[in-house]
Amino acid sequence: MESMSRILKLKAKRALPVLFVAAVVTLLVEDGLKTPVLSRSLRRQSSYAVVQTDAPQMHVPATLDLPSQRSLSLNLGGGDCEWTSPTYHVPDDIDFYKTVIAGFPSGDKRMIFLQMEALTGWPAKDEWDFEHIGMSNHPFIKANYPHHEGIWGWEDEADQVVMWDIGYAKTWEDATLFLDRLYSERPPLSDFLVWRDERVLDEVDWYGWFIDYYMEGGLLRDIFTHKKTTKHHWDMLMMPTVYTRAELEYDLIVGADTVVEDAYDPRCATVTEGCAPVAVISAENLRDYTRGPAETALIANVLKRDSRIGDYVIEQETWDCIWSELIENGRGLKTVYDRPTPEAEYNFSAEMLEAMINELSRLITKYSASPWNTKITANKVVTLLTEHRTLIQEELDDLLAGRRVLTEKDFLGPKERERRRNLTLENKEGATTPTTDQEGEKKDYSRYFFAMDQKLLEIRRIETRKSLYKKRKEAQDAAKNGTF
C-alpha cells in the first residue's frame, strides 16, 4: 500500500483522485519454450502429469510436461536467475488456481503481475478485457471492482483475492479536451477546480470503503457514511454515472433509523475462498531495496498455497534474483515508476490532509481492534496505513509551518477556496464581505460535470479494449527482439 497523499499526487495530473491500496494477487503466462527443455531448470513438485509404467510412478515436472511448456524465468543455480518474457497464449485445458489482484484504479498492479509472471511464466488479464473481449483461462486477474472504474468481468473464474495498492486513472488535462463538445457553455476554471476538489474528498471515502469491502469479504456498505446498507442501495451505488451524489444519500434511500442486517455482494460467493484477501501486498515494500525481496517471497508463497498454480512457481532460491531482475534491473514491461518525465506536483490544503488523516485513523482503529488484530492481513493493513498517516501528518505540519505554499491549482478544498475568494473580494477597493446580492446568482454546472463523469467512464472503457491489443503486440515484439 502506498501513501494516500503520494498516490493522489502521482495520479492527480492523470486521474480522478484516489487513496489507497487493495489488491488481489494472481497471474498466469503461457508460452512454448524457446530453448531446449533440458536446458531449463526443473521445477519441483508438479501434479500436472504422472506416467504409469511397470516401474514405480514417475513424476513429470510442469517444465518437462510438453502440453504445459511455456517461457519462464531460468534458475541458473546458486541463487542466480535469468528473467524471460512470458507468452500471452493460455491453454484452456489447464486447471489453474486463479488469483484476483484487487486495487484502487491505477494503483500500479502491473508491478505485481510482472512479479507473478516472472515467478510462474503465466500472464495476467484485466477485468475489462474479460468483459469486452471474452472469457479465457488466465490465472491472474487485475481488478478495480467495486470502484466504478472497475467491473466484475471474470464471472466465476477466481479462487482467491490479494489486496494491492490503490491509485487513480484519468488525467484532468486530457479530460478537459472534449468538454467543449458536451455543452455550448463551458464552466469557468474556478468551478472546475471546486468540483475537482470535491471529488478528491469523495475519493477519500471511496478509499476506505474499498478497503472495507475486501477486508470484510464483500459486506455491503455505503460509500460515504460507511454504514451497512441494503442490496437496493448498493446496486444504486454501483451506478455512479446514473445517480448523482445527492440521489445516493443514505438517509434518503435507506433511512437514518433503519436497522440493516449484514448483506454481502453475491459475486463473492463465486470466489472459492471468498473476497477477503489472503494477503496484502505493498508497492512501497516491493520497491524498497531492503524489504523488496521479502515482498516477492510473499507473492510467491501466496501462489504456492495451491498446487494448481504453485507447481509453476520457480524454486525459492531464485526469488531474490527475480526481485532484483524486475526492480533493480528494470526487466519486464514498464510501470508508472519508469516514466521518463516526473509527474506534476500538487499540494493539498489542511482541510484535505485532515480528511485523509481522519479516514486513515478510522481504518487503523477498526483493524487494530478485536477480532481483526488476530489476522495477519489486518495487521499488515494497520502497519501500512500507520506509515501513510505519519507521512501525511508530516505534510500537514509542513503546510501549517509555511514550508509548503499553496497555489490556486492545488487541491484546496471548499473551505480554503472560499476563504481565498472572500479575501480577494475584501481586498478590492470599496469591497465588503460578499453577499448573495453582490455576487449575483451562481450558475449551476452540476449537470455539466455529471456528464463529464459519464464521458470519462465511456472513454475509459473504449481505451481499455484498445490497450490489450497494443500491450500484447508490444510485449510480443519486445520478446522477439530481445529488448525487454
Protein backbone atom coordinates (compact mmCIF):
# COMPACT_ATOMS: atom_id res chain seq x y z
CA MET A 1 0.00 0.00 0.00
CA GLU A 2 1.26 3.43 -0.88
CA SER A 3 0.86 6.75 0.88
CA MET A 4 -2.58 8.19 0.18
CA SER A 5 -1.09 11.60 -0.39
CA ARG A 6 1.59 10.23 -2.72
CA ILE A 7 -0.93 8.28 -4.79
CA LEU A 8 -3.12 11.34 -5.15
CA LYS A 9 -0.17 13.40 -6.30
CA LEU A 10 1.15 10.72 -8.61
CA LYS A 11 -2.21 10.50 -10.34
CA ALA A 12 -3.57 14.00 -9.83
CA LYS A 13 -2.27 15.02 -13.20
CA ARG A 14 -3.79 11.93 -14.77
CA ALA A 15 -6.82 10.81 -12.86
CA LEU A 16 -9.77 11.13 -10.57
CA PRO A 17 -8.09 11.23 -7.17
CA VAL A 18 -7.80 8.06 -5.16
CA LEU A 19 -6.38 6.99 -1.97
CA PHE A 20 -5.32 3.55 -1.18
CA VAL A 21 -4.37 0.13 -1.60
CA ALA A 22 -6.10 -3.05 -2.20
CA ALA A 23 -5.26 -5.94 -4.32
CA VAL A 24 -5.92 -9.41 -5.34
CA VAL A 25 -2.87 -11.37 -6.41
CA THR A 26 -2.52 -13.86 -9.30
CA LEU A 27 -1.07 -14.03 -12.75
CA LEU A 28 -0.55 -16.57 -15.49
CA VAL A 29 1.56 -16.61 -18.58
CA GLU A 30 1.76 -19.40 -21.15
CA ASP A 31 4.38 -19.84 -23.84
CA GLY A 32 6.22 -22.55 -25.70
CA LEU A 33 9.80 -22.92 -24.51
CA LYS A 34 12.17 -21.16 -26.84
CA THR A 35 15.21 -23.18 -25.78
CA PRO A 36 15.60 -26.94 -25.32
CA VAL A 37 13.68 -28.31 -22.37
CA LEU A 38 16.72 -29.86 -20.71
CA SER A 39 18.48 -26.50 -20.62
CA ARG A 40 15.77 -25.30 -18.27
CA SER A 41 15.94 -25.70 -14.53
CA LEU A 42 13.44 -28.30 -13.36
CA ARG A 43 10.65 -27.20 -11.14
CA ARG A 44 9.98 -29.09 -8.00
CA GLN A 45 6.71 -30.92 -7.44
CA SER A 46 4.16 -30.87 -10.22
CA SER A 47 0.89 -32.71 -10.24
CA TYR A 48 0.31 -32.00 -13.92
CA ALA A 49 1.27 -35.43 -15.23
CA VAL A 50 2.02 -38.89 -13.90
CA VAL A 51 3.39 -41.54 -16.22
CA GLN A 52 2.14 -45.09 -15.50
CA THR A 53 4.58 -47.89 -16.28
CA ASP A 54 5.51 -51.25 -14.80
CA ALA A 55 8.09 -49.38 -12.77
CA PRO A 56 7.12 -47.08 -9.89
CA GLN A 57 5.24 -43.93 -10.88
CA MET A 58 7.39 -41.22 -12.45
CA HIS A 59 6.57 -37.63 -11.54
CA VAL A 60 6.86 -35.28 -14.53
CA PRO A 61 7.53 -31.65 -13.50
CA ALA A 62 5.46 -28.95 -15.22
CA THR A 63 8.55 -27.66 -17.01
CA LEU A 64 9.07 -31.00 -18.75
CA ASP A 65 5.45 -31.77 -19.46
CA LEU A 66 5.11 -30.88 -23.15
CA PRO A 67 1.49 -29.63 -23.06
CA SER A 68 2.32 -27.10 -20.35
CA GLN A 69 5.66 -25.81 -21.63
CA ARG A 70 5.99 -22.06 -21.83
CA SER A 71 8.51 -19.27 -21.47
CA LEU A 72 9.66 -18.91 -17.88
CA SER A 73 12.44 -17.39 -15.83
CA LEU A 74 15.50 -19.58 -15.58
CA ASN A 75 17.08 -20.95 -12.42
CA LEU A 76 20.81 -20.78 -13.15
CA GLY A 77 21.72 -22.30 -9.79
CA GLY A 78 23.33 -20.79 -6.73
CA GLY A 79 20.55 -18.22 -6.41
CA ASP A 80 21.17 -16.79 -9.88
CA CYS A 81 18.41 -16.47 -12.47
CA GLU A 82 17.59 -15.05 -15.85
CA TRP A 83 14.29 -13.30 -16.42
CA THR A 84 12.46 -14.25 -19.62
CA SER A 85 9.29 -12.75 -21.02
CA PRO A 86 6.02 -14.70 -20.99
CA THR A 87 3.84 -15.58 -23.91
CA TYR A 88 0.21 -14.48 -23.98
CA HIS A 89 -1.50 -17.64 -25.14
CA VAL A 90 -3.05 -19.54 -22.25
CA PRO A 91 -4.36 -23.08 -22.95
CA ASP A 92 -7.96 -23.70 -21.97
CA ASP A 93 -7.34 -27.21 -20.68
CA ILE A 94 -5.13 -26.42 -17.65
CA ASP A 95 -6.85 -26.27 -14.27
CA PHE A 96 -5.35 -23.16 -12.62
CA TYR A 97 -5.97 -21.82 -9.13
CA LYS A 98 -6.74 -18.22 -10.05
CA THR A 99 -5.94 -15.03 -8.17
CA VAL A 100 -7.61 -11.63 -8.31
CA ILE A 101 -5.24 -8.68 -7.89
CA ALA A 102 -7.57 -6.07 -6.42
CA GLY A 103 -6.54 -2.45 -6.21
CA PHE A 104 -7.86 1.09 -6.42
CA PRO A 105 -7.89 2.35 -10.03
CA SER A 106 -4.43 2.94 -11.49
CA GLY A 107 -2.58 1.71 -8.47
CA ASP A 108 0.28 0.06 -10.32
CA LYS A 109 -0.98 -3.52 -10.32
CA ARG A 110 1.34 -4.06 -13.28
CA MET A 111 4.23 -4.19 -10.82
CA ILE A 112 2.72 -7.17 -9.03
CA PHE A 113 1.59 -9.07 -12.09
CA LEU A 114 5.11 -8.74 -13.51
CA GLN A 115 6.32 -10.46 -10.35
CA MET A 116 3.79 -13.24 -10.85
CA GLU A 117 4.65 -13.65 -14.50
CA ALA A 118 8.34 -13.92 -13.67
CA LEU A 119 7.66 -16.41 -10.87
CA THR A 120 5.31 -18.66 -12.86
CA GLY A 121 5.64 -17.96 -16.58
CA TRP A 122 1.91 -17.22 -16.95
CA PRO A 123 0.18 -13.87 -17.78
CA ALA A 124 -2.48 -11.69 -16.19
CA LYS A 125 -5.62 -10.23 -17.74
CA ASP A 126 -7.64 -7.12 -16.94
CA GLU A 127 -11.23 -7.33 -15.67
CA TRP A 128 -12.45 -5.17 -18.58
CA ASP A 129 -10.77 -7.50 -21.06
CA PHE A 130 -12.77 -10.40 -19.67
CA GLU A 131 -15.93 -8.34 -20.01
CA HIS A 132 -15.42 -6.96 -23.52
CA ILE A 133 -13.00 -9.35 -25.23
CA GLY A 134 -14.19 -12.60 -23.74
CA MET A 135 -13.51 -15.23 -21.10
CA SER A 136 -10.19 -17.06 -21.05
CA ASN A 137 -8.10 -19.24 -18.74
CA HIS A 138 -5.73 -16.57 -17.42
CA PRO A 139 -4.76 -17.33 -13.81
CA PHE A 140 -4.20 -13.72 -12.71
CA ILE A 141 -7.00 -11.16 -12.86
CA LYS A 142 -6.38 -7.41 -12.45
CA ALA A 143 -9.39 -5.75 -10.82
CA ASN A 144 -10.60 -2.34 -9.61
CA TYR A 145 -14.07 -3.61 -8.68
CA PRO A 146 -16.15 -2.45 -6.78
CA HIS A 147 -14.86 1.04 -7.64
CA HIS A 148 -16.82 2.49 -10.56
CA GLU A 149 -13.62 2.30 -12.65
CA GLY A 150 -13.85 -1.48 -12.39
CA ILE A 151 -16.23 -4.24 -13.38
CA TRP A 152 -16.68 -7.84 -12.27
CA GLY A 153 -15.91 -9.19 -15.72
CA TRP A 154 -14.38 -12.55 -14.84
CA GLU A 155 -17.69 -14.22 -13.84
CA ASP A 156 -16.90 -17.21 -11.53
CA GLU A 157 -13.29 -17.78 -12.57
CA ALA A 158 -11.49 -16.59 -9.39
CA ASP A 159 -10.28 -18.68 -6.45
CA GLN A 160 -8.51 -16.19 -4.16
CA VAL A 161 -8.01 -12.44 -3.75
CA VAL A 162 -4.94 -10.35 -2.91
CA MET A 163 -5.15 -6.67 -1.99
CA TRP A 164 -2.78 -4.32 -3.76
CA ASP A 165 -2.03 -0.59 -3.98
CA ILE A 166 -4.75 1.90 -4.84
CA GLY A 167 -4.39 4.68 -7.35
CA TYR A 168 -6.48 6.60 -9.83
CA ALA A 169 -6.81 6.65 -13.54
CA LYS A 170 -7.80 9.69 -15.62
CA THR A 171 -5.89 12.90 -16.37
CA TRP A 172 -7.55 16.22 -15.69
CA GLU A 173 -5.84 17.85 -18.66
CA ASP A 174 -6.97 15.12 -21.03
CA ALA A 175 -10.43 15.11 -19.52
CA THR A 176 -10.95 18.74 -20.45
CA LEU A 177 -10.10 18.25 -24.12
CA PHE A 178 -13.55 17.03 -25.09
CA LEU A 179 -15.60 19.06 -22.63
CA ASP A 180 -16.41 21.82 -25.10
CA ARG A 181 -18.45 19.27 -27.03
CA LEU A 182 -20.69 18.47 -24.06
CA TYR A 183 -22.42 21.81 -23.71
CA SER A 184 -22.44 25.08 -25.57
CA GLU A 185 -21.14 26.90 -22.49
CA ARG A 186 -18.08 25.63 -20.68
CA PRO A 187 -17.79 26.23 -16.90
CA PRO A 188 -15.07 28.61 -15.77
CA LEU A 189 -11.82 27.09 -14.45
CA SER A 190 -12.70 28.13 -10.91
CA ASP A 191 -15.85 25.98 -11.00
CA PHE A 192 -13.90 23.07 -12.43
CA LEU A 193 -11.31 23.28 -9.63
CA VAL A 194 -14.04 23.38 -6.98
CA TRP A 195 -15.69 20.31 -8.49
CA ARG A 196 -12.32 18.53 -8.76
CA ASP A 197 -11.53 19.20 -5.08
CA GLU A 198 -14.91 17.85 -4.03
CA ARG A 199 -14.23 14.68 -5.99
CA VAL A 200 -10.91 14.26 -4.18
CA LEU A 201 -12.74 14.42 -0.86
CA ASP A 202 -15.21 11.84 -2.18
CA GLU A 203 -12.31 9.61 -3.15
CA VAL A 204 -11.09 9.65 0.45
CA ASP A 205 -14.36 7.94 1.35
CA TRP A 206 -14.11 5.64 -1.68
CA TYR A 207 -10.68 4.57 -0.47
CA GLY A 208 -11.79 3.46 2.97
CA TRP A 209 -14.92 1.87 1.51
CA PHE A 210 -12.79 -0.11 -0.97
CA ILE A 211 -10.56 -1.49 1.79
CA ASP A 212 -13.57 -2.37 3.97
CA TYR A 213 -15.21 -4.19 1.06
CA TYR A 214 -12.36 -6.67 0.67
CA MET A 215 -11.33 -6.94 4.31
CA GLU A 216 -14.93 -7.76 5.28
CA GLY A 217 -15.39 -10.22 2.45
CA GLY A 218 -17.80 -8.14 0.36
CA LEU A 219 -20.01 -6.78 3.16
CA LEU A 220 -22.29 -4.14 1.63
CA ARG A 221 -21.63 -0.65 3.00
CA ASP A 222 -22.45 2.90 2.00
CA ILE A 223 -19.51 4.73 0.44
CA PHE A 224 -19.82 7.98 2.37
CA THR A 225 -21.18 7.00 5.81
CA HIS A 226 -19.59 3.51 5.87
CA LYS A 227 -22.81 2.19 7.39
CA LYS A 228 -24.07 -1.25 6.43
CA THR A 229 -26.51 -0.85 3.58
CA THR A 230 -29.15 -2.70 1.61
CA LYS A 231 -28.78 -4.53 -1.67
CA HIS A 232 -31.04 -1.95 -3.33
CA HIS A 233 -28.84 0.95 -2.19
CA TRP A 234 -25.69 -0.97 -3.13
CA ASP A 235 -26.95 -1.52 -6.66
CA MET A 236 -27.50 2.22 -6.97
CA LEU A 237 -24.00 2.94 -5.66
CA MET A 238 -22.64 0.68 -8.39
CA MET A 239 -24.07 3.12 -10.97
CA PRO A 240 -22.44 6.47 -10.05
CA THR A 241 -22.83 7.82 -13.57
CA VAL A 242 -26.57 7.18 -13.39
CA TYR A 243 -27.27 8.72 -9.98
CA THR A 244 -25.89 11.94 -8.51
CA ARG A 245 -24.31 12.09 -5.06
CA ALA A 246 -27.48 13.69 -3.69
CA GLU A 247 -29.66 10.92 -5.14
CA LEU A 248 -27.48 8.31 -3.39
CA GLU A 249 -27.74 9.81 0.11
CA TYR A 250 -28.00 7.07 2.73
CA ASP A 251 -30.80 8.69 4.72
CA LEU A 252 -32.83 9.18 1.54
CA ILE A 253 -32.55 5.60 0.25
CA VAL A 254 -32.11 3.51 3.41
CA GLY A 255 -33.30 5.78 6.21
CA ALA A 256 -31.35 7.14 9.16
CA ASP A 257 -33.03 4.87 11.71
CA THR A 258 -33.30 1.73 9.59
CA VAL A 259 -31.75 -1.39 11.12
CA VAL A 260 -29.79 -3.07 8.34
CA GLU A 261 -28.80 -6.72 8.59
CA ASP A 262 -25.48 -7.96 7.21
CA ALA A 263 -25.67 -8.47 3.47
CA TYR A 264 -22.85 -9.50 1.15
CA ASP A 265 -22.09 -8.97 -2.50
CA PRO A 266 -23.40 -12.19 -4.09
CA ARG A 267 -20.48 -12.17 -6.52
CA CYS A 268 -18.11 -13.04 -3.67
CA ALA A 269 -19.82 -16.43 -3.36
CA THR A 270 -18.36 -17.29 -6.78
CA VAL A 271 -14.78 -16.91 -5.47
CA THR A 272 -13.55 -20.19 -3.99
CA GLU A 273 -12.09 -18.52 -0.87
CA GLY A 274 -14.40 -15.50 -0.92
CA CYS A 275 -13.49 -11.83 -1.38
CA ALA A 276 -11.45 -11.48 1.83
CA PRO A 277 -7.79 -11.16 0.79
CA VAL A 278 -5.40 -14.00 1.51
CA ALA A 279 -2.57 -11.44 1.53
CA VAL A 280 -1.93 -7.70 1.37
CA ILE A 281 0.91 -6.65 -0.92
CA SER A 282 2.74 -3.33 -0.58
CA ALA A 283 4.21 -1.45 -3.54
CA GLU A 284 6.27 0.65 -1.15
CA ASN A 285 7.80 -2.52 0.28
CA LEU A 286 8.30 -4.06 -3.16
CA ARG A 287 10.28 -1.05 -4.39
CA ASP A 288 12.33 -0.84 -1.19
CA TYR A 289 15.80 -2.40 -1.60
CA THR A 290 15.71 -3.78 1.93
CA ARG A 291 12.13 -5.05 2.18
CA GLY A 292 11.52 -5.78 -1.50
CA PRO A 293 12.78 -9.37 -1.70
CA ALA A 294 10.54 -10.36 1.21
CA GLU A 295 7.53 -8.93 -0.64
CA THR A 296 8.38 -11.01 -3.70
CA ALA A 297 8.61 -14.05 -1.43
CA LEU A 298 5.16 -13.20 -0.06
CA ILE A 299 3.74 -13.14 -3.59
CA ALA A 300 5.40 -16.47 -4.39
CA ASN A 301 4.06 -18.09 -1.22
CA VAL A 302 0.55 -16.83 -1.99
CA LEU A 303 0.76 -18.61 -5.32
CA LYS A 304 2.12 -21.78 -3.73
CA ARG A 305 -0.93 -22.10 -1.49
CA ASP A 306 -2.47 -24.35 -4.15
CA SER A 307 -0.52 -26.74 -6.37
CA ARG A 308 -2.62 -25.84 -9.41
CA ILE A 309 -0.60 -22.65 -9.69
CA GLY A 310 2.07 -23.36 -7.09
CA ASP A 311 3.62 -26.08 -9.24
CA TYR A 312 4.59 -23.40 -11.75
CA VAL A 313 6.41 -21.18 -9.21
CA ILE A 314 10.17 -21.15 -9.75
CA GLU A 315 12.41 -22.51 -6.98
CA GLN A 316 12.72 -20.46 -3.79
CA GLU A 317 16.47 -19.99 -4.18
CA THR A 318 15.77 -17.71 -7.18
CA TRP A 319 13.13 -15.46 -5.60
CA ASP A 320 15.60 -12.76 -4.51
CA CYS A 321 17.07 -12.81 -8.01
CA ILE A 322 13.62 -12.44 -9.58
CA TRP A 323 13.04 -9.37 -7.42
CA SER A 324 16.41 -7.95 -8.47
CA GLU A 325 15.75 -8.58 -12.17
CA LEU A 326 12.43 -6.72 -12.06
CA ILE A 327 13.11 -3.93 -9.56
CA GLU A 328 16.85 -3.25 -9.74
CA ASN A 329 17.41 -4.15 -13.39
CA GLY A 330 14.04 -2.94 -14.68
CA ARG A 331 13.21 -6.05 -16.70
CA GLY A 332 9.69 -6.63 -18.00
CA LEU A 333 7.01 -4.21 -19.10
CA LYS A 334 7.28 -0.62 -17.90
CA THR A 335 5.34 0.56 -14.87
CA VAL A 336 4.23 4.05 -13.80
CA TYR A 337 7.54 4.37 -11.95
CA ASP A 338 9.53 4.03 -15.19
CA ARG A 339 8.17 7.17 -16.82
CA PRO A 340 10.95 9.40 -18.19
CA THR A 341 9.30 12.64 -17.03
CA PRO A 342 8.19 13.28 -13.45
CA GLU A 343 4.53 13.67 -12.60
CA ALA A 344 3.28 17.16 -11.79
CA GLU A 345 3.50 18.04 -8.11
CA TYR A 346 0.32 19.06 -6.30
CA ASN A 347 -0.21 20.10 -2.72
CA PHE A 348 -3.26 19.62 -0.53
CA SER A 349 -4.86 22.08 1.84
CA ALA A 350 -5.10 21.43 5.58
CA GLU A 351 -8.78 20.57 5.14
CA MET A 352 -8.00 17.83 2.65
CA LEU A 353 -5.00 16.43 4.52
CA GLU A 354 -7.07 16.30 7.69
CA ALA A 355 -9.79 14.38 5.83
CA MET A 356 -7.17 11.83 4.75
CA ILE A 357 -5.80 11.55 8.28
CA ASN A 358 -9.31 11.08 9.69
CA GLU A 359 -10.11 8.29 7.24
CA LEU A 360 -6.79 6.57 7.88
CA SER A 361 -7.37 6.84 11.61
CA ARG A 362 -10.83 5.27 11.23
CA LEU A 363 -9.35 2.32 9.38
CA ILE A 364 -6.41 1.94 11.76
CA THR A 365 -8.70 1.97 14.80
CA LYS A 366 -11.09 -0.53 13.22
CA TYR A 367 -8.49 -3.05 12.09
CA SER A 368 -6.40 -2.75 15.27
CA ALA A 369 -9.30 -3.95 17.41
CA SER A 370 -10.66 -7.43 18.03
CA PRO A 371 -11.32 -9.63 16.11
CA TRP A 372 -9.18 -8.08 13.38
CA ASN A 373 -5.99 -7.86 15.43
CA THR A 374 -5.51 -11.63 15.22
CA LYS A 375 -5.45 -11.60 11.40
CA ILE A 376 -2.16 -11.27 9.51
CA THR A 377 -3.79 -9.29 6.71
CA ALA A 378 -5.37 -6.79 9.11
CA ASN A 379 -2.11 -6.34 10.99
CA LYS A 380 -0.33 -5.51 7.74
CA VAL A 381 -3.06 -3.06 6.74
CA VAL A 382 -2.64 -1.32 10.11
CA THR A 383 1.14 -1.17 9.75
CA LEU A 384 0.99 0.27 6.25
CA LEU A 385 -1.77 2.77 6.98
CA THR A 386 0.05 3.94 10.11
CA GLU A 387 3.13 4.65 7.98
CA HIS A 388 0.98 6.56 5.50
CA ARG A 389 -0.70 8.58 8.23
CA THR A 390 2.70 9.63 9.55
CA LEU A 391 3.72 10.87 6.09
CA ILE A 392 0.51 12.83 5.66
CA GLN A 393 0.85 14.33 9.14
CA GLU A 394 4.36 15.49 8.20
CA GLU A 395 2.93 17.09 5.06
CA LEU A 396 0.28 18.85 7.14
CA ASP A 397 2.91 20.06 9.60
CA ASP A 398 4.96 21.49 6.71
CA LEU A 399 1.89 23.27 5.37
CA LEU A 400 0.95 24.80 8.71
CA ALA A 401 4.57 25.89 9.29
CA GLY A 402 4.68 27.64 5.90
CA ARG A 403 7.19 25.23 4.37
CA ARG A 404 4.60 24.37 1.70
CA VAL A 405 2.84 27.13 -0.22
CA LEU A 406 -0.50 26.50 -1.91
CA THR A 407 -1.42 27.80 -5.36
CA GLU A 408 -4.85 28.13 -6.96
CA LYS A 409 -4.35 24.91 -8.93
CA ASP A 410 -3.52 22.86 -5.86
CA PHE A 411 -6.17 20.77 -4.11
CA LEU A 412 -7.52 23.49 -1.86
CA GLY A 413 -10.90 22.10 -0.84
CA PRO A 414 -14.10 24.11 -0.38
CA LYS A 415 -13.10 25.88 2.85
CA GLU A 416 -9.74 27.17 1.61
CA ARG A 417 -11.19 28.21 -1.76
CA GLU A 418 -14.00 30.10 -0.05
CA ARG A 419 -11.53 31.80 2.29
CA ARG A 420 -9.39 32.93 -0.64
CA ARG A 421 -12.38 34.07 -2.61
CA ASN A 422 -13.66 36.21 0.24
CA LEU A 423 -10.19 37.62 0.85
CA THR A 424 -9.89 38.64 -2.81
CA LEU A 425 -13.25 40.40 -2.74
CA GLU A 426 -12.42 42.18 0.51
CA ASN A 427 -9.13 43.45 -0.91
CA LYS A 428 -10.82 45.06 -3.88
CA GLU A 429 -11.21 48.77 -3.49
CA GLY A 430 -14.52 49.55 -1.86
CA ALA A 431 -15.48 45.90 -1.50
CA THR A 432 -17.01 44.50 1.65
CA THR A 433 -17.73 40.98 2.77
CA PRO A 434 -19.57 39.43 -0.18
CA THR A 435 -23.25 38.78 -0.04
CA THR A 436 -25.57 36.82 -2.26
CA ASP A 437 -26.88 40.02 -3.85
CA GLN A 438 -23.36 41.31 -4.56
CA GLU A 439 -22.26 38.05 -6.13
CA GLY A 440 -25.37 37.51 -8.17
CA GLU A 441 -26.93 34.14 -8.66
CA LYS A 442 -24.25 31.49 -9.17
CA LYS A 443 -24.73 29.31 -12.22
CA ASP A 444 -25.23 25.61 -11.55
CA TYR A 445 -22.83 23.46 -13.62
CA SER A 446 -23.59 20.18 -11.86
CA ARG A 447 -25.14 18.63 -14.99
CA TYR A 448 -22.03 19.54 -16.95
CA PHE A 449 -19.71 17.76 -14.54
CA PHE A 450 -22.08 14.82 -14.21
CA ALA A 451 -21.95 14.43 -18.00
CA MET A 452 -18.17 14.69 -17.84
CA ASP A 453 -18.07 11.76 -15.42
CA GLN A 454 -20.16 9.69 -17.80
CA LYS A 455 -17.97 10.62 -20.76
CA LEU A 456 -14.77 9.81 -18.88
CA LEU A 457 -16.05 6.36 -17.98
CA GLU A 458 -17.08 5.72 -21.57
CA ILE A 459 -13.62 6.72 -22.79
CA ARG A 460 -12.02 4.54 -20.13
CA ARG A 461 -13.92 1.50 -21.39
CA ILE A 462 -13.02 2.16 -25.03
CA GLU A 463 -9.35 2.73 -24.23
CA THR A 464 -9.21 -0.43 -22.13
CA ARG A 465 -10.38 -2.55 -25.03
CA LYS A 466 -7.79 -0.99 -27.32
CA SER A 467 -4.95 -1.24 -24.84
CA LEU A 468 -4.98 -5.04 -24.56
CA TYR A 469 -4.14 -5.46 -28.23
CA LYS A 470 -1.46 -2.78 -28.05
CA LYS A 471 0.19 -4.17 -24.92
CA ARG A 472 0.08 -7.70 -26.24
CA LYS A 473 1.74 -6.64 -29.52
CA GLU A 474 4.41 -4.60 -27.71
CA ALA A 475 5.24 -7.47 -25.39
CA GLN A 476 5.44 -9.97 -28.22
CA ASP A 477 7.62 -7.63 -30.31
CA ALA A 478 9.90 -6.93 -27.35
CA ALA A 479 10.27 -10.63 -26.61
CA LYS A 480 11.03 -11.36 -30.25
CA ASN A 481 13.61 -8.59 -30.47
CA GLY A 482 15.12 -9.25 -27.05
CA THR A 483 14.55 -5.64 -25.95
CA PHE A 484 12.99 -6.37 -22.55
